[in-house]
Amino acid sequence: MVRLILMIFLCIDLVFCIFADYIVNRKTSSIDNFCFLGVHIGWMGQSDLDKNMVRLLKLYFVVIGLVCLPCVMANSLENSAFRKSQLMEKSKSGKLEAPTATLEVGEGVMKENLEISLSSIAESQLPKLDRGMTNVTDSFSGYRFLPHGEHFSGKGAKVVLGYDRTK
């Protein structure tokens, strides 16, 4: 979450700085006439030492942004990994399959015809585990079956989830 906030802050700062530089100088920004954290440094007339310090700070934040970007992208990919749905009929058996997760419903088990969905969820959407417990779910942090409630009778349905033995 901190990385995401940092990335958003840096993007807003960059847009503000380029806009401010254009308004003042009517030209695009250069490394010598740029800004940092919303403060335009081209107007300030700093000493060479100050300018070098600001350049180092700018380089530091560019590197941090480049390091954070893959993490943010990976998290967004995990959040949207998959979602499948299928109509489960009362009088028929059915199977809803997704990567490393399956719902198997036998004939006559459904209380009524119903569309059931299966989707992956990110680790941030999972409740905290008790101390000493480890999430061993394979490939994704967790799964969500919808709609909530009791929709099965008799034996119920069978849920098969993949797990990672190395966790």
N, C-alpha and C. Protein backbone atom coordinates (compact mmCIF):
# COMPACT_ATOMS: atom_id res chain seq x y z
N MET A 1 0.82 -1.19 0.00
CA MET A 1 0.00 0.00 0.00
C MET A 1 0.87 1.26 0.00
N VAL A 2 1.96 1.22 0.78
CA VAL A 2 2.86 2.37 0.84
C VAL A 2 3.48 2.62 -0.53
N ARG A 3 3.83 1.54 -1.22
CA ARG A 3 4.42 1.70 -2.56
C ARG A 3 3.44 2.35 -3.52
N LEU A 4 2.19 1.94 -3.44
CA LEU A 4 1.18 2.51 -4.33
C LEU A 4 1.00 3.99 -4.05
N ILE A 5 0.94 4.38 -2.79
CA ILE A 5 0.80 5.79 -2.42
C ILE A 5 2.01 6.58 -2.92
N LEU A 6 3.21 6.01 -2.76
CA LEU A 6 4.42 6.67 -3.23
C LEU A 6 4.38 6.88 -4.74
N MET A 7 3.95 5.85 -5.48
CA MET A 7 3.87 5.97 -6.94
C MET A 7 2.88 7.05 -7.36
N ILE A 8 1.73 7.08 -6.72
CA ILE A 8 0.72 8.10 -7.04
C ILE A 8 1.27 9.49 -6.74
N PHE A 9 1.92 9.65 -5.59
CA PHE A 9 2.49 10.93 -5.19
C PHE A 9 3.54 11.39 -6.20
N LEU A 10 4.41 10.48 -6.62
CA LEU A 10 5.45 10.85 -7.58
C LEU A 10 4.87 11.24 -8.93
N CYS A 11 3.84 10.53 -9.37
CA CYS A 11 3.20 10.87 -10.65
C CYS A 11 2.54 12.24 -10.60
N ILE A 12 1.84 12.52 -9.51
CA ILE A 12 1.20 13.83 -9.35
C ILE A 12 2.26 14.92 -9.33
N ASP A 13 3.36 14.68 -8.60
CA ASP A 13 4.45 15.64 -8.52
C ASP A 13 5.05 15.91 -9.90
N LEU A 14 5.27 14.86 -10.66
CA LEU A 14 5.85 15.02 -11.99
C LEU A 14 4.96 15.85 -12.90
N VAL A 15 3.67 15.57 -12.90
CA VAL A 15 2.73 16.33 -13.73
C VAL A 15 2.71 17.79 -13.30
N PHE A 16 2.65 18.04 -11.99
CA PHE A 16 2.63 19.41 -11.48
C PHE A 16 3.89 20.15 -11.90
N CYS A 17 5.05 19.50 -11.79
CA CYS A 17 6.31 20.15 -12.10
C CYS A 17 6.43 20.50 -13.58
N ILE A 18 6.04 19.58 -14.43
CA ILE A 18 6.12 19.84 -15.87
C ILE A 18 5.17 20.98 -16.24
N PHE A 19 3.97 20.99 -15.66
CA PHE A 19 3.01 22.05 -15.93
C PHE A 19 3.55 23.39 -15.43
N ALA A 20 4.10 23.43 -14.21
CA ALA A 20 4.62 24.67 -13.66
C ALA A 20 5.79 25.19 -14.49
N ASP A 21 6.66 24.30 -14.93
CA ASP A 21 7.79 24.71 -15.74
C ASP A 21 7.33 25.27 -17.09
N TYR A 22 6.31 24.66 -17.67
CA TYR A 22 5.78 25.14 -18.94
C TYR A 22 5.17 26.53 -18.77
N ILE A 23 4.40 26.74 -17.71
CA ILE A 23 3.76 28.04 -17.47
C ILE A 23 4.82 29.13 -17.30
N VAL A 24 5.88 28.85 -16.54
CA VAL A 24 6.89 29.86 -16.26
C VAL A 24 7.79 30.10 -17.47
N ASN A 25 8.28 29.04 -18.07
CA ASN A 25 9.30 29.18 -19.11
C ASN A 25 8.78 28.96 -20.52
N ARG A 26 7.55 28.51 -20.67
CA ARG A 26 6.97 28.19 -21.96
C ARG A 26 7.84 27.20 -22.75
N LYS A 27 8.38 26.22 -22.02
CA LYS A 27 9.17 25.17 -22.66
C LYS A 27 9.07 23.91 -21.81
N THR A 28 9.55 22.81 -22.35
CA THR A 28 9.52 21.56 -21.59
C THR A 28 10.64 21.56 -20.56
N SER A 29 10.50 20.72 -19.55
CA SER A 29 11.46 20.67 -18.46
C SER A 29 12.76 20.02 -18.88
N SER A 30 13.84 20.43 -18.24
CA SER A 30 15.14 19.78 -18.40
C SER A 30 15.64 19.40 -17.02
N ILE A 31 16.73 18.64 -16.95
CA ILE A 31 17.24 18.19 -15.66
C ILE A 31 17.72 19.36 -14.80
N ASP A 32 18.19 20.45 -15.43
CA ASP A 32 18.67 21.60 -14.66
C ASP A 32 17.54 22.51 -14.20
N ASN A 33 16.41 22.44 -14.85
CA ASN A 33 15.31 23.33 -14.51
C ASN A 33 14.07 22.47 -14.27
N PHE A 34 14.10 21.76 -13.16
CA PHE A 34 13.02 20.82 -12.87
C PHE A 34 12.52 21.08 -11.46
N CYS A 35 11.72 20.22 -10.95
CA CYS A 35 11.22 20.43 -9.61
C CYS A 35 11.21 19.12 -8.84
N PHE A 36 11.06 19.23 -7.56
CA PHE A 36 11.07 18.07 -6.68
C PHE A 36 10.02 18.29 -5.60
N LEU A 37 9.10 17.35 -5.47
CA LEU A 37 8.04 17.43 -4.47
C LEU A 37 7.25 18.73 -4.55
N GLY A 38 6.94 19.15 -5.75
CA GLY A 38 6.08 20.31 -5.94
C GLY A 38 6.78 21.64 -5.80
N VAL A 39 8.09 21.68 -5.59
CA VAL A 39 8.83 22.93 -5.46
C VAL A 39 9.70 23.09 -6.69
N HIS A 40 9.48 24.13 -7.43
CA HIS A 40 10.24 24.36 -8.66
C HIS A 40 11.62 24.87 -8.29
N ILE A 41 12.67 24.10 -8.60
CA ILE A 41 14.02 24.49 -8.16
C ILE A 41 14.73 25.38 -9.17
N GLY A 42 14.19 25.54 -10.36
CA GLY A 42 14.84 26.40 -11.34
C GLY A 42 14.76 27.87 -10.96
N TRP A 43 13.85 28.24 -10.09
CA TRP A 43 13.64 29.64 -9.72
C TRP A 43 14.48 30.04 -8.50
N MET A 44 15.08 29.07 -7.83
CA MET A 44 15.58 29.32 -6.49
C MET A 44 17.02 29.83 -6.44
N GLY A 45 17.80 29.65 -7.51
CA GLY A 45 19.17 30.14 -7.53
C GLY A 45 20.04 29.52 -6.46
N GLN A 46 19.99 28.20 -6.31
CA GLN A 46 20.78 27.55 -5.28
C GLN A 46 22.26 27.53 -5.65
N SER A 47 23.07 27.20 -4.65
CA SER A 47 24.49 26.98 -4.91
C SER A 47 24.66 25.65 -5.63
N ASP A 48 25.87 25.41 -6.15
CA ASP A 48 26.12 24.15 -6.85
C ASP A 48 25.91 22.96 -5.92
N LEU A 49 26.25 23.10 -4.65
CA LEU A 49 26.06 22.01 -3.69
C LEU A 49 24.58 21.69 -3.54
N ASP A 50 23.75 22.72 -3.43
CA ASP A 50 22.30 22.50 -3.32
C ASP A 50 21.76 21.82 -4.58
N LYS A 51 22.21 22.28 -5.74
CA LYS A 51 21.74 21.69 -6.99
C LYS A 51 22.12 20.21 -7.08
N ASN A 52 23.35 19.89 -6.66
CA ASN A 52 23.77 18.49 -6.69
C ASN A 52 22.96 17.64 -5.72
N MET A 53 22.66 18.19 -4.56
CA MET A 53 21.85 17.45 -3.57
C MET A 53 20.45 17.19 -4.13
N VAL A 54 19.87 18.19 -4.76
CA VAL A 54 18.54 18.02 -5.34
C VAL A 54 18.58 16.99 -6.46
N ARG A 55 19.64 17.01 -7.28
CA ARG A 55 19.77 16.01 -8.34
C ARG A 55 19.84 14.60 -7.75
N LEU A 56 20.58 14.43 -6.66
CA LEU A 56 20.66 13.12 -6.01
C LEU A 56 19.30 12.69 -5.48
N LEU A 57 18.57 13.62 -4.89
CA LEU A 57 17.24 13.29 -4.38
C LEU A 57 16.30 12.90 -5.52
N LYS A 58 16.38 13.62 -6.63
CA LYS A 58 15.54 13.28 -7.79
C LYS A 58 15.89 11.89 -8.30
N LEU A 59 17.18 11.59 -8.40
CA LEU A 59 17.62 10.27 -8.85
C LEU A 59 17.12 9.20 -7.89
N TYR A 60 17.20 9.47 -6.59
CA TYR A 60 16.72 8.51 -5.59
C TYR A 60 15.24 8.20 -5.80
N PHE A 61 14.42 9.22 -6.00
CA PHE A 61 12.99 8.99 -6.16
C PHE A 61 12.66 8.33 -7.50
N VAL A 62 13.44 8.59 -8.53
CA VAL A 62 13.23 7.90 -9.80
C VAL A 62 13.52 6.42 -9.63
N VAL A 63 14.62 6.09 -8.95
CA VAL A 63 14.96 4.68 -8.71
C VAL A 63 13.90 4.00 -7.86
N ILE A 64 13.44 4.66 -6.80
CA ILE A 64 12.38 4.10 -5.95
C ILE A 64 11.13 3.85 -6.79
N GLY A 65 10.78 4.78 -7.65
CA GLY A 65 9.60 4.61 -8.51
C GLY A 65 9.75 3.42 -9.44
N LEU A 66 10.93 3.25 -10.02
CA LEU A 66 11.17 2.12 -10.92
C LEU A 66 11.15 0.79 -10.18
N VAL A 67 11.60 0.79 -8.93
CA VAL A 67 11.57 -0.43 -8.13
C VAL A 67 10.14 -0.77 -7.73
N CYS A 68 9.35 0.24 -7.42
CA CYS A 68 7.97 0.01 -6.95
C CYS A 68 7.02 -0.38 -8.08
N LEU A 69 7.27 0.09 -9.28
CA LEU A 69 6.34 -0.16 -10.39
C LEU A 69 6.06 -1.64 -10.63
N PRO A 70 7.09 -2.51 -10.70
CA PRO A 70 6.77 -3.94 -10.90
C PRO A 70 5.94 -4.52 -9.76
N CYS A 71 6.17 -4.07 -8.53
CA CYS A 71 5.39 -4.57 -7.39
C CYS A 71 3.93 -4.17 -7.52
N VAL A 72 3.69 -2.93 -7.90
CA VAL A 72 2.32 -2.46 -8.08
C VAL A 72 1.64 -3.20 -9.22
N MET A 73 2.36 -3.40 -10.32
CA MET A 73 1.80 -4.12 -11.46
C MET A 73 1.48 -5.56 -11.11
N ALA A 74 2.38 -6.22 -10.37
CA ALA A 74 2.15 -7.62 -9.97
C ALA A 74 0.92 -7.73 -9.09
N ASN A 75 0.75 -6.77 -8.19
CA ASN A 75 -0.42 -6.79 -7.31
C ASN A 75 -1.70 -6.59 -8.11
N SER A 76 -1.70 -5.70 -9.09
CA SER A 76 -2.90 -5.49 -9.89
C SER A 76 -3.21 -6.71 -10.75
N LEU A 77 -2.17 -7.41 -11.23
CA LEU A 77 -2.40 -8.63 -12.00
C LEU A 77 -2.98 -9.72 -11.13
N GLU A 78 -2.50 -9.80 -9.88
CA GLU A 78 -3.03 -10.82 -8.98
C GLU A 78 -4.50 -10.56 -8.68
N ASN A 79 -4.87 -9.30 -8.52
CA ASN A 79 -6.26 -8.97 -8.20
C ASN A 79 -7.22 -9.35 -9.31
N SER A 80 -6.77 -9.37 -10.55
CA SER A 80 -7.67 -9.64 -11.67
C SER A 80 -7.31 -10.94 -12.38
N ALA A 81 -6.83 -11.93 -11.65
CA ALA A 81 -6.32 -13.15 -12.26
C ALA A 81 -7.39 -13.92 -13.02
N PHE A 82 -8.51 -14.23 -12.40
CA PHE A 82 -9.56 -14.93 -13.13
C PHE A 82 -10.90 -14.79 -12.44
N ARG A 83 -11.95 -14.99 -13.23
CA ARG A 83 -13.33 -15.06 -12.73
C ARG A 83 -14.11 -15.89 -13.74
N LYS A 84 -14.74 -16.95 -13.25
CA LYS A 84 -15.55 -17.81 -14.10
C LYS A 84 -16.90 -18.00 -13.43
N SER A 85 -17.92 -18.21 -14.24
CA SER A 85 -19.24 -18.50 -13.69
C SER A 85 -19.93 -19.53 -14.58
N GLN A 86 -20.89 -20.22 -13.97
CA GLN A 86 -21.60 -21.26 -14.70
C GLN A 86 -22.97 -21.46 -14.07
N LEU A 87 -23.95 -21.74 -14.92
CA LEU A 87 -25.29 -22.04 -14.44
C LEU A 87 -25.31 -23.49 -13.96
N MET A 88 -25.65 -23.69 -12.70
CA MET A 88 -25.78 -25.03 -12.13
C MET A 88 -27.28 -25.34 -12.06
N GLU A 89 -27.67 -26.42 -12.72
CA GLU A 89 -29.09 -26.78 -12.78
C GLU A 89 -29.43 -27.83 -11.73
N LYS A 90 -30.64 -27.71 -11.19
CA LYS A 90 -31.11 -28.58 -10.12
C LYS A 90 -31.11 -30.05 -10.53
N SER A 91 -31.47 -30.34 -11.75
CA SER A 91 -31.65 -31.73 -12.19
C SER A 91 -30.39 -32.33 -12.84
N LYS A 92 -29.30 -31.57 -12.93
CA LYS A 92 -28.09 -32.07 -13.60
C LYS A 92 -26.87 -31.92 -12.69
N SER A 93 -25.87 -32.72 -12.97
CA SER A 93 -24.60 -32.53 -12.27
C SER A 93 -23.82 -31.45 -13.02
N GLY A 94 -22.94 -30.78 -12.32
CA GLY A 94 -22.17 -29.71 -12.95
C GLY A 94 -20.80 -29.59 -12.33
N LYS A 95 -19.93 -28.93 -13.08
CA LYS A 95 -18.55 -28.75 -12.62
C LYS A 95 -18.08 -27.37 -13.07
N LEU A 96 -17.62 -26.58 -12.12
CA LEU A 96 -17.06 -25.25 -12.40
C LEU A 96 -15.56 -25.33 -12.15
N GLU A 97 -14.78 -25.17 -13.21
CA GLU A 97 -13.33 -25.32 -13.10
C GLU A 97 -12.62 -24.01 -13.40
N ALA A 98 -11.59 -23.76 -12.63
CA ALA A 98 -10.72 -22.61 -12.83
C ALA A 98 -9.31 -23.08 -12.47
N PRO A 99 -8.30 -22.28 -12.75
CA PRO A 99 -6.94 -22.71 -12.40
C PRO A 99 -6.83 -23.02 -10.91
N THR A 100 -6.44 -24.21 -10.59
CA THR A 100 -6.20 -24.73 -9.23
C THR A 100 -7.42 -24.69 -8.30
N ALA A 101 -8.62 -24.59 -8.83
CA ALA A 101 -9.84 -24.65 -8.00
C ALA A 101 -10.98 -25.24 -8.82
N THR A 102 -11.78 -26.10 -8.17
CA THR A 102 -12.90 -26.75 -8.84
C THR A 102 -14.08 -26.88 -7.88
N LEU A 103 -15.28 -26.70 -8.39
CA LEU A 103 -16.52 -26.96 -7.66
C LEU A 103 -17.27 -28.05 -8.42
N GLU A 104 -17.54 -29.17 -7.73
CA GLU A 104 -18.26 -30.29 -8.35
C GLU A 104 -19.60 -30.45 -7.65
N VAL A 105 -20.67 -30.45 -8.43
CA VAL A 105 -22.03 -30.56 -7.90
C VAL A 105 -22.68 -31.79 -8.52
N GLY A 106 -23.18 -32.69 -7.66
CA GLY A 106 -23.83 -33.90 -8.16
C GLY A 106 -25.26 -33.64 -8.62
N GLU A 107 -25.83 -34.61 -9.31
CA GLU A 107 -27.20 -34.50 -9.82
C GLU A 107 -28.18 -34.43 -8.65
N GLY A 108 -29.11 -33.47 -8.70
CA GLY A 108 -30.13 -33.31 -7.67
C GLY A 108 -29.64 -32.65 -6.39
N VAL A 109 -28.43 -32.16 -6.38
CA VAL A 109 -27.87 -31.54 -5.17
C VAL A 109 -28.27 -30.07 -5.05
N MET A 110 -28.44 -29.38 -6.16
CA MET A 110 -28.82 -27.96 -6.13
C MET A 110 -30.27 -27.82 -5.66
N LYS A 111 -30.52 -26.84 -4.79
CA LYS A 111 -31.89 -26.58 -4.34
C LYS A 111 -32.72 -25.92 -5.44
N GLU A 112 -32.06 -25.14 -6.31
CA GLU A 112 -32.71 -24.49 -7.44
C GLU A 112 -31.64 -24.16 -8.49
N ASN A 113 -32.08 -23.85 -9.69
CA ASN A 113 -31.12 -23.45 -10.72
C ASN A 113 -30.47 -22.13 -10.29
N LEU A 114 -29.14 -22.07 -10.41
CA LEU A 114 -28.42 -20.91 -9.89
C LEU A 114 -27.09 -20.74 -10.63
N GLU A 115 -26.75 -19.50 -10.94
CA GLU A 115 -25.44 -19.22 -11.52
C GLU A 115 -24.44 -19.03 -10.39
N ILE A 116 -23.38 -19.81 -10.41
CA ILE A 116 -22.34 -19.76 -9.37
C ILE A 116 -21.07 -19.24 -10.01
N SER A 117 -20.38 -18.36 -9.30
CA SER A 117 -19.12 -17.81 -9.81
C SER A 117 -17.96 -18.20 -8.90
N LEU A 118 -16.80 -18.28 -9.50
CA LEU A 118 -15.55 -18.60 -8.80
C LEU A 118 -14.51 -17.60 -9.27
N SER A 119 -13.88 -16.92 -8.33
CA SER A 119 -12.86 -15.94 -8.71
C SER A 119 -11.71 -15.98 -7.73
N SER A 120 -10.55 -15.56 -8.21
CA SER A 120 -9.39 -15.46 -7.32
C SER A 120 -9.46 -14.12 -6.59
N ILE A 121 -8.89 -14.09 -5.40
CA ILE A 121 -8.84 -12.84 -4.64
C ILE A 121 -7.41 -12.60 -4.17
N ALA A 122 -7.08 -11.36 -3.99
CA ALA A 122 -5.73 -10.96 -3.57
C ALA A 122 -5.54 -11.19 -2.08
N GLU A 123 -4.29 -11.26 -1.68
CA GLU A 123 -3.97 -11.47 -0.28
C GLU A 123 -4.53 -10.35 0.60
N SER A 124 -4.57 -9.14 0.07
CA SER A 124 -5.09 -8.01 0.84
C SER A 124 -6.58 -8.15 1.15
N GLN A 125 -7.31 -8.99 0.39
CA GLN A 125 -8.74 -9.19 0.62
C GLN A 125 -9.03 -10.35 1.57
N LEU A 126 -7.99 -11.09 1.96
CA LEU A 126 -8.18 -12.23 2.86
C LEU A 126 -8.15 -11.77 4.31
N PRO A 127 -8.92 -12.42 5.18
CA PRO A 127 -8.81 -12.10 6.60
C PRO A 127 -7.46 -12.56 7.13
N LYS A 128 -6.97 -11.91 8.17
CA LYS A 128 -5.70 -12.29 8.78
C LYS A 128 -5.82 -13.69 9.36
N LEU A 129 -4.77 -14.49 9.17
CA LEU A 129 -4.73 -15.83 9.74
C LEU A 129 -4.26 -15.76 11.18
N ASP A 130 -4.70 -16.73 11.97
CA ASP A 130 -4.23 -16.81 13.35
C ASP A 130 -2.73 -17.06 13.36
N ARG A 131 -2.11 -16.68 14.47
CA ARG A 131 -0.67 -16.84 14.62
C ARG A 131 -0.28 -18.31 14.44
N GLY A 132 0.75 -18.55 13.69
CA GLY A 132 1.22 -19.91 13.46
C GLY A 132 0.60 -20.57 12.24
N MET A 133 -0.41 -19.96 11.65
CA MET A 133 -1.05 -20.53 10.46
C MET A 133 -0.41 -19.94 9.20
N THR A 134 -0.39 -20.72 8.13
CA THR A 134 0.19 -20.29 6.86
C THR A 134 -0.79 -20.57 5.73
N ASN A 135 -0.94 -19.63 4.83
CA ASN A 135 -1.78 -19.83 3.65
C ASN A 135 -0.99 -20.69 2.66
N VAL A 136 -1.48 -21.88 2.36
CA VAL A 136 -0.79 -22.79 1.45
C VAL A 136 -1.47 -22.89 0.10
N THR A 137 -2.39 -21.99 -0.17
CA THR A 137 -3.12 -22.00 -1.44
C THR A 137 -2.13 -21.86 -2.60
N ASP A 138 -2.31 -22.67 -3.63
CA ASP A 138 -1.42 -22.67 -4.79
C ASP A 138 -1.84 -21.60 -5.80
N SER A 139 -0.88 -20.94 -6.39
CA SER A 139 -1.04 -19.99 -7.49
C SER A 139 -1.69 -18.66 -7.10
N PHE A 140 -2.78 -18.68 -6.36
CA PHE A 140 -3.47 -17.45 -5.98
C PHE A 140 -3.58 -17.40 -4.46
N SER A 141 -3.79 -16.21 -3.91
CA SER A 141 -3.89 -16.06 -2.46
C SER A 141 -5.15 -16.68 -1.90
N GLY A 142 -6.23 -16.64 -2.65
CA GLY A 142 -7.49 -17.21 -2.18
C GLY A 142 -8.52 -17.23 -3.28
N TYR A 143 -9.70 -17.76 -2.94
CA TYR A 143 -10.79 -17.91 -3.91
C TYR A 143 -12.09 -17.44 -3.29
N ARG A 144 -13.00 -16.98 -4.12
CA ARG A 144 -14.32 -16.56 -3.66
C ARG A 144 -15.37 -17.25 -4.52
N PHE A 145 -16.30 -17.93 -3.84
CA PHE A 145 -17.45 -18.55 -4.50
C PHE A 145 -18.67 -17.70 -4.18
N LEU A 146 -19.43 -17.33 -5.20
CA LEU A 146 -20.64 -16.52 -5.00
C LEU A 146 -21.80 -17.18 -5.73
N PRO A 147 -23.02 -16.97 -5.35
CA PRO A 147 -23.48 -16.15 -4.23
C PRO A 147 -23.33 -16.89 -2.89
N HIS A 148 -23.31 -16.10 -1.82
CA HIS A 148 -23.23 -16.67 -0.47
C HIS A 148 -24.56 -17.34 -0.13
N GLY A 149 -24.52 -18.24 0.81
CA GLY A 149 -25.75 -18.87 1.28
C GLY A 149 -25.74 -20.37 1.07
N GLU A 150 -26.83 -21.02 1.47
CA GLU A 150 -26.98 -22.47 1.33
C GLU A 150 -27.77 -22.77 0.06
N HIS A 151 -27.09 -23.33 -0.91
CA HIS A 151 -27.71 -23.60 -2.20
C HIS A 151 -27.71 -25.09 -2.53
N PHE A 152 -27.18 -25.91 -1.62
CA PHE A 152 -27.04 -27.34 -1.88
C PHE A 152 -27.84 -28.14 -0.84
N SER A 153 -28.31 -29.30 -1.25
CA SER A 153 -29.03 -30.18 -0.33
C SER A 153 -28.35 -31.55 -0.35
N GLY A 154 -28.74 -32.41 0.57
CA GLY A 154 -28.17 -33.76 0.59
C GLY A 154 -26.70 -33.75 0.92
N LYS A 155 -25.91 -34.35 0.05
CA LYS A 155 -24.47 -34.47 0.27
C LYS A 155 -23.75 -33.14 0.12
N GLY A 156 -24.35 -32.20 -0.52
CA GLY A 156 -23.68 -30.93 -0.76
C GLY A 156 -22.80 -30.99 -1.98
N ALA A 157 -21.85 -30.10 -2.06
CA ALA A 157 -20.95 -30.01 -3.22
C ALA A 157 -19.52 -30.29 -2.77
N LYS A 158 -18.68 -30.58 -3.73
CA LYS A 158 -17.27 -30.87 -3.45
C LYS A 158 -16.42 -29.73 -3.99
N VAL A 159 -15.57 -29.18 -3.13
CA VAL A 159 -14.64 -28.12 -3.51
C VAL A 159 -13.23 -28.70 -3.48
N VAL A 160 -12.51 -28.53 -4.56
CA VAL A 160 -11.12 -29.00 -4.65
C VAL A 160 -10.23 -27.78 -4.90
N LEU A 161 -9.27 -27.56 -3.99
CA LEU A 161 -8.34 -26.44 -4.11
C LEU A 161 -6.91 -26.96 -4.19
N GLY A 162 -6.13 -26.39 -5.09
CA GLY A 162 -4.71 -26.73 -5.15
C GLY A 162 -3.97 -26.11 -3.98
N TYR A 163 -2.89 -26.75 -3.57
CA TYR A 163 -2.09 -26.19 -2.49
C TYR A 163 -0.61 -26.37 -2.81
N ASP A 164 0.20 -25.56 -2.18
CA ASP A 164 1.64 -25.57 -2.39
C ASP A 164 2.30 -26.20 -1.17
N ARG A 165 2.89 -27.36 -1.33
CA ARG A 165 3.52 -28.09 -0.21
C ARG A 165 4.76 -27.38 0.31
N THR A 166 5.33 -26.49 -0.47
CA THR A 166 6.57 -25.83 -0.05
C THR A 166 6.34 -24.66 0.90
N LYS A 167 5.11 -24.22 1.05
CA LYS A 167 4.83 -23.07 1.93
C LYS A 167 4.76 -23.50 3.37
